[in-house]
Amino acid sequence: MVWASVLDAPRIGRHDDFFALGGHSLSATRVAARLRQSLGLDLPLHTLFEQRTVAALAIAVETVLLAELEAEPAPFPATADAAVPSLVLQGETS
């Protein structure tokens, strides 16, 4: 949907090449900005030049998002003997 909007194309297949559809460096920058706005994802611009299809870009985006999730600290201590907040043990929610 981002590509279709940026390229003003009614339909784009997952294996269509961004640049073959008329994309260029400015439109790639627009795609990156929209991904940052909609997903909070700061995708390097060169990724759009290297992953030129929707399918390839989706894999790259997923990889970046998973890496960000794995890098986030756990909400609770990860050790088995660590203290767990009493509200969690009681099942209470706010």
PDB file of N, CA and C in Angstrom:
ATOM      1  N   MET A   1       0.819  -1.184   0.000  1.00  0.00           N
ATOM      2  CA  MET A   1       0.000   0.000   0.000  1.00  0.00           C
ATOM      3  C   MET A   1       0.869   1.256   0.000  1.00  0.00           C
ATOM      4  N   VAL A   2       1.985   1.224   0.711  1.00  0.00           N
ATOM      5  CA  VAL A   2       2.897   2.364   0.725  1.00  0.00           C
ATOM      6  C   VAL A   2       3.461   2.583  -0.675  1.00  0.00           C
ATOM      7  N   TRP A   3       3.901   1.506  -1.303  1.00  0.00           N
ATOM      8  CA  TRP A   3       4.452   1.642  -2.652  1.00  0.00           C
ATOM      9  C   TRP A   3       3.396   2.172  -3.612  1.00  0.00           C
ATOM     10  N   ALA A   4       2.196   1.631  -3.547  1.00  0.00           N
ATOM     11  CA  ALA A   4       1.129   2.055  -4.458  1.00  0.00           C
ATOM     12  C   ALA A   4       0.853   3.538  -4.305  1.00  0.00           C
ATOM     13  N   SER A   5       0.850   4.003  -3.084  1.00  0.00           N
ATOM     14  CA  SER A   5       0.607   5.419  -2.829  1.00  0.00           C
ATOM     15  C   SER A   5       1.747   6.290  -3.344  1.00  0.00           C
ATOM     16  N   VAL A   6       2.963   5.917  -3.030  1.00  0.00           N
ATOM     17  CA  VAL A   6       4.125   6.704  -3.447  1.00  0.00           C
ATOM     18  C   VAL A   6       4.284   6.696  -4.965  1.00  0.00           C
ATOM     19  N   LEU A   7       4.065   5.544  -5.581  1.00  0.00           N
ATOM     20  CA  LEU A   7       4.237   5.423  -7.034  1.00  0.00           C
ATOM     21  C   LEU A   7       2.974   5.770  -7.805  1.00  0.00           C
ATOM     22  N   ASP A   8       1.898   6.052  -7.084  1.00  0.00           N
ATOM     23  CA  ASP A   8       0.600   6.344  -7.704  1.00  0.00           C
ATOM     24  C   ASP A   8       0.204   5.232  -8.676  1.00  0.00           C
ATOM     25  N   ALA A   9       0.338   4.002  -8.178  1.00  0.00           N
ATOM     26  CA  ALA A   9       0.018   2.815  -8.972  1.00  0.00           C
ATOM     27  C   ALA A   9      -1.172   2.110  -8.326  1.00  0.00           C
ATOM     28  N   PRO A  10      -2.183   1.752  -9.102  1.00  0.00           N
ATOM     29  CA  PRO A  10      -3.372   1.126  -8.515  1.00  0.00           C
ATOM     30  C   PRO A  10      -3.111  -0.276  -7.964  1.00  0.00           C
ATOM     31  N   ARG A  11      -2.145  -0.966  -8.545  1.00  0.00           N
ATOM     32  CA  ARG A  11      -1.913  -2.352  -8.137  1.00  0.00           C
ATOM     33  C   ARG A  11      -0.441  -2.709  -8.286  1.00  0.00           C
ATOM     34  N   ILE A  12       0.105  -3.286  -7.230  1.00  0.00           N
ATOM     35  CA  ILE A  12       1.507  -3.691  -7.259  1.00  0.00           C
ATOM     36  C   ILE A  12       1.591  -5.114  -6.723  1.00  0.00           C
ATOM     37  N   GLY A  13       2.268  -5.967  -7.463  1.00  0.00           N
ATOM     38  CA  GLY A  13       2.449  -7.351  -7.044  1.00  0.00           C
ATOM     39  C   GLY A  13       3.654  -7.484  -6.135  1.00  0.00           C
ATOM     40  N   ARG A  14       3.690  -8.549  -5.379  1.00  0.00           N
ATOM     41  CA  ARG A  14       4.776  -8.722  -4.409  1.00  0.00           C
ATOM     42  C   ARG A  14       6.133  -8.938  -5.058  1.00  0.00           C
ATOM     43  N   HIS A  15       6.163  -9.313  -6.320  1.00  0.00           N
ATOM     44  CA  HIS A  15       7.435  -9.529  -7.004  1.00  0.00           C
ATOM     45  C   HIS A  15       7.751  -8.434  -8.019  1.00  0.00           C
ATOM     46  N   ASP A  16       6.952  -7.367  -8.023  1.00  0.00           N
ATOM     47  CA  ASP A  16       7.232  -6.240  -8.914  1.00  0.00           C
ATOM     48  C   ASP A  16       8.427  -5.459  -8.392  1.00  0.00           C
ATOM     49  N   ASP A  17       9.272  -5.021  -9.300  1.00  0.00           N
ATOM     50  CA  ASP A  17      10.474  -4.264  -8.956  1.00  0.00           C
ATOM     51  C   ASP A  17      10.107  -2.785  -8.785  1.00  0.00           C
ATOM     52  N   PHE A  18      10.469  -2.221  -7.653  1.00  0.00           N
ATOM     53  CA  PHE A  18      10.161  -0.832  -7.324  1.00  0.00           C
ATOM     54  C   PHE A  18      10.646   0.125  -8.409  1.00  0.00           C
ATOM     55  N   PHE A  19      11.853  -0.067  -8.865  1.00  0.00           N
ATOM     56  CA  PHE A  19      12.435   0.847  -9.839  1.00  0.00           C
ATOM     57  C   PHE A  19      11.894   0.609 -11.242  1.00  0.00           C
ATOM     58  N   ALA A  20      11.517  -0.622 -11.556  1.00  0.00           N
ATOM     59  CA  ALA A  20      10.890  -0.907 -12.855  1.00  0.00           C
ATOM     60  C   ALA A  20       9.500  -0.283 -12.930  1.00  0.00           C
ATOM     61  N   LEU A  21       8.888  -0.057 -11.774  1.00  0.00           N
ATOM     62  CA  LEU A  21       7.562   0.570 -11.728  1.00  0.00           C
ATOM     63  C   LEU A  21       7.633   2.096 -11.762  1.00  0.00           C
ATOM     64  N   GLY A  22       8.836   2.630 -11.866  1.00  0.00           N
ATOM     65  CA  GLY A  22       8.999   4.071 -11.940  1.00  0.00           C
ATOM     66  C   GLY A  22       9.576   4.692 -10.687  1.00  0.00           C
ATOM     67  N   GLY A  23       9.934   3.860  -9.722  1.00  0.00           N
ATOM     68  CA  GLY A  23      10.532   4.382  -8.505  1.00  0.00           C
ATOM     69  C   GLY A  23      11.914   4.957  -8.767  1.00  0.00           C
ATOM     70  N   HIS A  24      12.308   5.899  -7.945  1.00  0.00           N
ATOM     71  CA  HIS A  24      13.634   6.524  -8.047  1.00  0.00           C
ATOM     72  C   HIS A  24      14.075   6.908  -6.639  1.00  0.00           C
ATOM     73  N   SER A  25      15.201   7.556  -6.508  1.00  0.00           N
ATOM     74  CA  SER A  25      15.753   7.832  -5.182  1.00  0.00           C
ATOM     75  C   SER A  25      14.817   8.683  -4.321  1.00  0.00           C
ATOM     76  N   LEU A  26      14.152   9.674  -4.909  1.00  0.00           N
ATOM     77  CA  LEU A  26      13.229  10.508  -4.124  1.00  0.00           C
ATOM     78  C   LEU A  26      12.017   9.706  -3.658  1.00  0.00           C
ATOM     79  N   SER A  27      11.472   8.861  -4.526  1.00  0.00           N
ATOM     80  CA  SER A  27      10.319   8.046  -4.116  1.00  0.00           C
ATOM     81  C   SER A  27      10.739   6.994  -3.091  1.00  0.00           C
ATOM     82  N   ALA A  28      11.968   6.490  -3.181  1.00  0.00           N
ATOM     83  CA  ALA A  28      12.462   5.551  -2.171  1.00  0.00           C
ATOM     84  C   ALA A  28      12.561   6.247  -0.819  1.00  0.00           C
ATOM     85  N   THR A  29      12.986   7.501  -0.824  1.00  0.00           N
ATOM     86  CA  THR A  29      13.043   8.284   0.409  1.00  0.00           C
ATOM     87  C   THR A  29      11.644   8.460   0.988  1.00  0.00           C
ATOM     88  N   ARG A  30      10.670   8.667   0.141  1.00  0.00           N
ATOM     89  CA  ARG A  30       9.274   8.800   0.597  1.00  0.00           C
ATOM     90  C   ARG A  30       8.768   7.492   1.213  1.00  0.00           C
ATOM     91  N   VAL A  31       9.112   6.376   0.595  1.00  0.00           N
ATOM     92  CA  VAL A  31       8.721   5.074   1.151  1.00  0.00           C
ATOM     93  C   VAL A  31       9.332   4.892   2.532  1.00  0.00           C
ATOM     94  N   ALA A  32      10.612   5.197   2.657  1.00  0.00           N
ATOM     95  CA  ALA A  32      11.291   5.072   3.950  1.00  0.00           C
ATOM     96  C   ALA A  32      10.626   5.957   5.005  1.00  0.00           C
ATOM     97  N   ALA A  33      10.258   7.165   4.625  1.00  0.00           N
ATOM     98  CA  ALA A  33       9.604   8.090   5.562  1.00  0.00           C
ATOM     99  C   ALA A  33       8.242   7.568   5.989  1.00  0.00           C
ATOM    100  N   ARG A  34       7.499   7.000   5.060  1.00  0.00           N
ATOM    101  CA  ARG A  34       6.174   6.457   5.412  1.00  0.00           C
ATOM    102  C   ARG A  34       6.283   5.215   6.289  1.00  0.00           C
ATOM    103  N   LEU A  35       7.276   4.394   6.055  1.00  0.00           N
ATOM    104  CA  LEU A  35       7.493   3.236   6.923  1.00  0.00           C
ATOM    105  C   LEU A  35       7.867   3.696   8.331  1.00  0.00           C
ATOM    106  N   ARG A  36       8.691   4.741   8.397  1.00  0.00           N
ATOM    107  CA  ARG A  36       9.075   5.290   9.699  1.00  0.00           C
ATOM    108  C   ARG A  36       7.843   5.844  10.423  1.00  0.00           C
ATOM    109  N   GLN A  37       6.983   6.524   9.676  1.00  0.00           N
ATOM    110  CA  GLN A  37       5.779   7.122  10.256  1.00  0.00           C
ATOM    111  C   GLN A  37       4.767   6.057  10.677  1.00  0.00           C
ATOM    112  N   SER A  38       4.530   5.072   9.840  1.00  0.00           N
ATOM    113  CA  SER A  38       3.482   4.090  10.136  1.00  0.00           C
ATOM    114  C   SER A  38       3.934   2.975  11.071  1.00  0.00           C
ATOM    115  N   LEU A  39       5.199   2.560  10.971  1.00  0.00           N
ATOM    116  CA  LEU A  39       5.684   1.445  11.776  1.00  0.00           C
ATOM    117  C   LEU A  39       6.672   1.861  12.860  1.00  0.00           C
ATOM    118  N   GLY A  40       7.083   3.120  12.835  1.00  0.00           N
ATOM    119  CA  GLY A  40       8.114   3.549  13.762  1.00  0.00           C
ATOM    120  C   GLY A  40       9.447   2.882  13.445  1.00  0.00           C
ATOM    121  N   LEU A  41       9.631   2.552  12.189  1.00  0.00           N
ATOM    122  CA  LEU A  41      10.790   1.781  11.744  1.00  0.00           C
ATOM    123  C   LEU A  41      11.752   2.678  10.986  1.00  0.00           C
ATOM    124  N   ASP A  42      12.976   2.778  11.466  1.00  0.00           N
ATOM    125  CA  ASP A  42      13.991   3.567  10.791  1.00  0.00           C
ATOM    126  C   ASP A  42      14.801   2.642   9.896  1.00  0.00           C
ATOM    127  N   LEU A  43      14.288   2.420   8.714  1.00  0.00           N
ATOM    128  CA  LEU A  43      14.911   1.513   7.753  1.00  0.00           C
ATOM    129  C   LEU A  43      15.944   2.271   6.929  1.00  0.00           C
ATOM    130  N   PRO A  44      17.174   1.796   6.877  1.00  0.00           N
ATOM    131  CA  PRO A  44      18.187   2.482   6.070  1.00  0.00           C
ATOM    132  C   PRO A  44      17.744   2.566   4.603  1.00  0.00           C
ATOM    133  N   LEU A  45      17.978   3.701   3.992  1.00  0.00           N
ATOM    134  CA  LEU A  45      17.539   3.917   2.616  1.00  0.00           C
ATOM    135  C   LEU A  45      18.130   2.887   1.658  1.00  0.00           C
ATOM    136  N   HIS A  46      19.370   2.478   1.909  1.00  0.00           N
ATOM    137  CA  HIS A  46      19.995   1.509   1.000  1.00  0.00           C
ATOM    138  C   HIS A  46      19.227   0.191   0.968  1.00  0.00           C
ATOM    139  N   THR A  47      18.465  -0.111   1.998  1.00  0.00           N
ATOM    140  CA  THR A  47      17.675  -1.344   2.015  1.00  0.00           C
ATOM    141  C   THR A  47      16.662  -1.349   0.888  1.00  0.00           C
ATOM    142  N   LEU A  48      16.075  -0.191   0.594  1.00  0.00           N
ATOM    143  CA  LEU A  48      15.100  -0.106  -0.496  1.00  0.00           C
ATOM    144  C   LEU A  48      15.761  -0.323  -1.864  1.00  0.00           C
ATOM    145  N   PHE A  49      17.032   0.025  -1.968  1.00  0.00           N
ATOM    146  CA  PHE A  49      17.744  -0.189  -3.222  1.00  0.00           C
ATOM    147  C   PHE A  49      18.190  -1.645  -3.365  1.00  0.00           C
ATOM    148  N   GLU A  50      18.423  -2.292  -2.246  1.00  0.00           N
ATOM    149  CA  GLU A  50      18.864  -3.688  -2.263  1.00  0.00           C
ATOM    150  C   GLU A  50      17.690  -4.662  -2.308  1.00  0.00           C
ATOM    151  N   GLN A  51      16.604  -4.331  -1.644  1.00  0.00           N
ATOM    152  CA  GLN A  51      15.403  -5.180  -1.599  1.00  0.00           C
ATOM    153  C   GLN A  51      14.342  -4.518  -2.464  1.00  0.00           C
ATOM    154  N   ARG A  52      14.373  -4.796  -3.744  1.00  0.00           N
ATOM    155  CA  ARG A  52      13.614  -4.015  -4.720  1.00  0.00           C
ATOM    156  C   ARG A  52      12.185  -4.478  -4.942  1.00  0.00           C
ATOM    157  N   THR A  53      11.784  -5.595  -4.335  1.00  0.00           N
ATOM    158  CA  THR A  53      10.405  -6.061  -4.475  1.00  0.00           C
ATOM    159  C   THR A  53       9.700  -5.960  -3.128  1.00  0.00           C
ATOM    160  N   VAL A  54       8.380  -5.966  -3.157  1.00  0.00           N
ATOM    161  CA  VAL A  54       7.601  -5.921  -1.919  1.00  0.00           C
ATOM    162  C   VAL A  54       7.946  -7.122  -1.043  1.00  0.00           C
ATOM    163  N   ALA A  55       8.054  -8.289  -1.661  1.00  0.00           N
ATOM    164  CA  ALA A  55       8.357  -9.509  -0.903  1.00  0.00           C
ATOM    165  C   ALA A  55       9.719  -9.414  -0.223  1.00  0.00           C
ATOM    166  N   ALA A  56      10.723  -8.960  -0.944  1.00  0.00           N
ATOM    167  CA  ALA A  56      12.072  -8.843  -0.368  1.00  0.00           C
ATOM    168  C   ALA A  56      12.112  -7.774   0.713  1.00  0.00           C
ATOM    169  N   LEU A  57      11.434  -6.661   0.482  1.00  0.00           N
ATOM    170  CA  LEU A  57      11.412  -5.595   1.484  1.00  0.00           C
ATOM    171  C   LEU A  57      10.667  -6.043   2.733  1.00  0.00           C
ATOM    172  N   ALA A  58       9.607  -6.809   2.569  1.00  0.00           N
ATOM    173  CA  ALA A  58       8.849  -7.309   3.726  1.00  0.00           C
ATOM    174  C   ALA A  58       9.735  -8.177   4.613  1.00  0.00           C
ATOM    175  N   ILE A  59      10.565  -9.000   4.012  1.00  0.00           N
ATOM    176  CA  ILE A  59      11.488  -9.842   4.788  1.00  0.00           C
ATOM    177  C   ILE A  59      12.494  -8.967   5.528  1.00  0.00           C
ATOM    178  N   ALA A  60      13.008  -7.944   4.853  1.00  0.00           N
ATOM    179  CA  ALA A  60      13.967  -7.036   5.487  1.00  0.00           C
ATOM    180  C   ALA A  60      13.325  -6.285   6.653  1.00  0.00           C
ATOM    181  N   VAL A  61      12.095  -5.817   6.460  1.00  0.00           N
ATOM    182  CA  VAL A  61      11.372  -5.109   7.519  1.00  0.00           C
ATOM    183  C   VAL A  61      11.132  -6.040   8.702  1.00  0.00           C
ATOM    184  N   GLU A  62      10.701  -7.254   8.431  1.00  0.00           N
ATOM    185  CA  GLU A  62      10.468  -8.219   9.494  1.00  0.00           C
ATOM    186  C   GLU A  62      11.750  -8.495  10.278  1.00  0.00           C
ATOM    187  N   THR A  63      12.856  -8.618   9.574  1.00  0.00           N
ATOM    188  CA  THR A  63      14.143  -8.874  10.224  1.00  0.00           C
ATOM    189  C   THR A  63      14.521  -7.731  11.155  1.00  0.00           C
ATOM    190  N   VAL A  64      14.336  -6.499  10.698  1.00  0.00           N
ATOM    191  CA  VAL A  64      14.659  -5.331  11.524  1.00  0.00           C
ATOM    192  C   VAL A  64      13.739  -5.260  12.736  1.00  0.00           C
ATOM    193  N   LEU A  65      12.444  -5.489  12.529  1.00  0.00           N
ATOM    194  CA  LEU A  65      11.495  -5.440  13.646  1.00  0.00           C
ATOM    195  C   LEU A  65      11.789  -6.525  14.683  1.00  0.00           C
ATOM    196  N   LEU A  66      12.098  -7.723  14.237  1.00  0.00           N
ATOM    197  CA  LEU A  66      12.427  -8.806  15.173  1.00  0.00           C
ATOM    198  C   LEU A  66      13.703  -8.501  15.949  1.00  0.00           C
ATOM    199  N   ALA A  67      14.673  -7.915  15.270  1.00  0.00           N
ATOM    200  CA  ALA A  67      15.919  -7.544  15.949  1.00  0.00           C
ATOM    201  C   ALA A  67      15.654  -6.484  17.016  1.00  0.00           C
ATOM    202  N   GLU A  68      14.765  -5.543  16.722  1.00  0.00           N
ATOM    203  CA  GLU A  68      14.413  -4.513  17.705  1.00  0.00           C
ATOM    204  C   GLU A  68      13.702  -5.136  18.902  1.00  0.00           C
ATOM    205  N   LEU A  69      12.817  -6.093  18.654  1.00  0.00           N
ATOM    206  CA  LEU A  69      12.110  -6.756  19.752  1.00  0.00           C
ATOM    207  C   LEU A  69      13.076  -7.540  20.637  1.00  0.00           C
ATOM    208  N   GLU A  70      14.012  -8.225  20.024  1.00  0.00           N
ATOM    209  CA  GLU A  70      14.982  -9.014  20.780  1.00  0.00           C
ATOM    210  C   GLU A  70      15.928  -8.125  21.581  1.00  0.00           C
ATOM    211  N   ALA A  71      16.146  -6.906  21.108  1.00  0.00           N
ATOM    212  CA  ALA A  71      17.052  -5.983  21.791  1.00  0.00           C
ATOM    213  C   ALA A  71      16.390  -5.283  22.977  1.00  0.00           C
ATOM    214  N   GLU A  72      15.051  -5.279  23.021  1.00  0.00           N
ATOM    215  CA  GLU A  72      14.346  -4.627  24.121  1.00  0.00           C
ATOM    216  C   GLU A  72      14.527  -5.435  25.397  1.00  0.00           C
ATOM    217  N   PRO A  73      14.724  -4.742  26.511  1.00  0.00           N
ATOM    218  CA  PRO A  73      14.851  -5.471  27.777  1.00  0.00           C
ATOM    219  C   PRO A  73      13.527  -6.116  28.162  1.00  0.00           C
ATOM    220  N   ALA A  74      13.615  -7.248  28.839  1.00  0.00           N
ATOM    221  CA  ALA A  74      12.421  -7.944  29.306  1.00  0.00           C
ATOM    222  C   ALA A  74      11.711  -7.085  30.348  1.00  0.00           C
ATOM    223  N   PRO A  75      10.377  -7.124  30.398  1.00  0.00           N
ATOM    224  CA  PRO A  75       9.654  -6.299  31.372  1.00  0.00           C
ATOM    225  C   PRO A  75       9.879  -6.751  32.815  1.00  0.00           C
ATOM    226  N   PHE A  76      10.297  -7.993  32.995  1.00  0.00           N
ATOM    227  CA  PHE A  76      10.561  -8.537  34.327  1.00  0.00           C
ATOM    228  C   PHE A  76      11.929  -9.200  34.313  1.00  0.00           C
ATOM    229  N   PRO A  77      12.532  -9.370  35.454  1.00  0.00           N
ATOM    230  CA  PRO A  77      13.825 -10.080  35.492  1.00  0.00           C
ATOM    231  C   PRO A  77      13.691 -11.467  34.860  1.00  0.00           C
ATOM    232  N   ALA A  78      14.714 -11.857  34.136  1.00  0.00           N
ATOM    233  CA  ALA A  78      14.658 -13.112  33.384  1.00  0.00           C
ATOM    234  C   ALA A  78      15.068 -14.336  34.188  1.00  0.00           C
ATOM    235  N   THR A  79      15.621 -14.167  35.352  1.00  0.00           N
ATOM    236  CA  THR A  79      16.070 -15.332  36.112  1.00  0.00           C
ATOM    237  C   THR A  79      14.928 -15.955  36.885  1.00  0.00           C
ATOM    238  N   ALA A  80      15.019 -17.239  37.107  1.00  0.00           N
ATOM    239  CA  ALA A  80      13.946 -17.974  37.793  1.00  0.00           C
ATOM    240  C   ALA A  80      13.823 -17.574  39.256  1.00  0.00           C
ATOM    241  N   ASP A  81      14.923 -17.198  39.882  1.00  0.00           N
ATOM    242  CA  ASP A  81      14.872 -16.855  41.303  1.00  0.00           C
ATOM    243  C   ASP A  81      14.639 -15.360  41.545  1.00  0.00           C
ATOM    244  N   ALA A  82      14.422 -14.597  40.477  1.00  0.00           N
ATOM    245  CA  ALA A  82      14.196 -13.157  40.618  1.00  0.00           C
ATOM    246  C   ALA A  82      12.801 -12.898  41.177  1.00  0.00           C
ATOM    247  N   ALA A  83      12.674 -11.812  41.862  1.00  0.00           N
ATOM    248  CA  ALA A  83      11.383 -11.432  42.449  1.00  0.00           C
ATOM    249  C   ALA A  83      10.416 -11.026  41.341  1.00  0.00           C
ATOM    250  N   VAL A  84       9.183 -11.493  41.438  1.00  0.00           N
ATOM    251  CA  VAL A  84       8.130 -11.134  40.500  1.00  0.00           C
ATOM    252  C   VAL A  84       7.176 -10.208  41.240  1.00  0.00           C
ATOM    253  N   PRO A  85       6.816  -9.070  40.627  1.00  0.00           N
ATOM    254  CA  PRO A  85       5.908  -8.149  41.317  1.00  0.00           C
ATOM    255  C   PRO A  85       4.640  -8.851  41.784  1.00  0.00           C
ATOM    256  N   SER A  86       4.171  -8.499  42.981  1.00  0.00           N
ATOM    257  CA  SER A  86       3.022  -9.179  43.573  1.00  0.00           C
ATOM    258  C   SER A  86       1.758  -9.030  42.743  1.00  0.00           C
ATOM    259  N   LEU A  87       1.597  -7.923  42.014  1.00  0.00           N
ATOM    260  CA  LEU A  87       0.399  -7.751  41.180  1.00  0.00           C
ATOM    261  C   LEU A  87       0.354  -8.787  40.078  1.00  0.00           C
ATOM    262  N   VAL A  88       1.502  -9.158  39.564  1.00  0.00           N
ATOM    263  CA  VAL A  88       1.559 -10.186  38.522  1.00  0.00           C
ATOM    264  C   VAL A  88       1.154 -11.531  39.103  1.00  0.00           C
ATOM    265  N   LEU A  89       1.651 -11.817  40.299  1.00  0.00           N
ATOM    266  CA  LEU A  89       1.317 -13.092  40.937  1.00  0.00           C
ATOM    267  C   LEU A  89      -0.155 -13.193  41.261  1.00  0.00           C
ATOM    268  N   GLN A  90      -0.761 -12.073  41.605  1.00  0.00           N
ATOM    269  CA  GLN A  90      -2.168 -12.066  41.989  1.00  0.00           C
ATOM    270  C   GLN A  90      -3.088 -11.975  40.767  1.00  0.00           C
ATOM    271  N   GLY A  91      -2.512 -11.676  39.604  1.00  0.00           N
ATOM    272  CA  GLY A  91      -3.330 -11.586  38.390  1.00  0.00           C
ATOM    273  C   GLY A  91      -4.109 -10.300  38.295  1.00  0.00           C
ATOM    274  N   GLU A  92      -3.732  -9.283  39.043  1.00  0.00           N
ATOM    275  CA  GLU A  92      -4.456  -8.018  39.006  1.00  0.00           C
ATOM    276  C   GLU A  92      -3.981  -7.187  37.814  1.00  0.00           C
ATOM    277  N   THR A  93      -4.909  -6.407  37.302  1.00  0.00           N
ATOM    278  CA  THR A  93      -4.567  -5.471  36.216  1.00  0.00           C
ATOM    279  C   THR A  93      -5.005  -4.091  36.629  1.00  0.00           C
ATOM    280  N   SER A  94      -4.421  -3.105  36.011  1.00  0.00           N
ATOM    281  CA  SER A  94      -4.796  -1.730  36.345  1.00  0.00           C
ATOM    282  C   SER A  94      -5.865  -1.190  35.438  1.00  0.00           C
TER     283      SER A  94
END
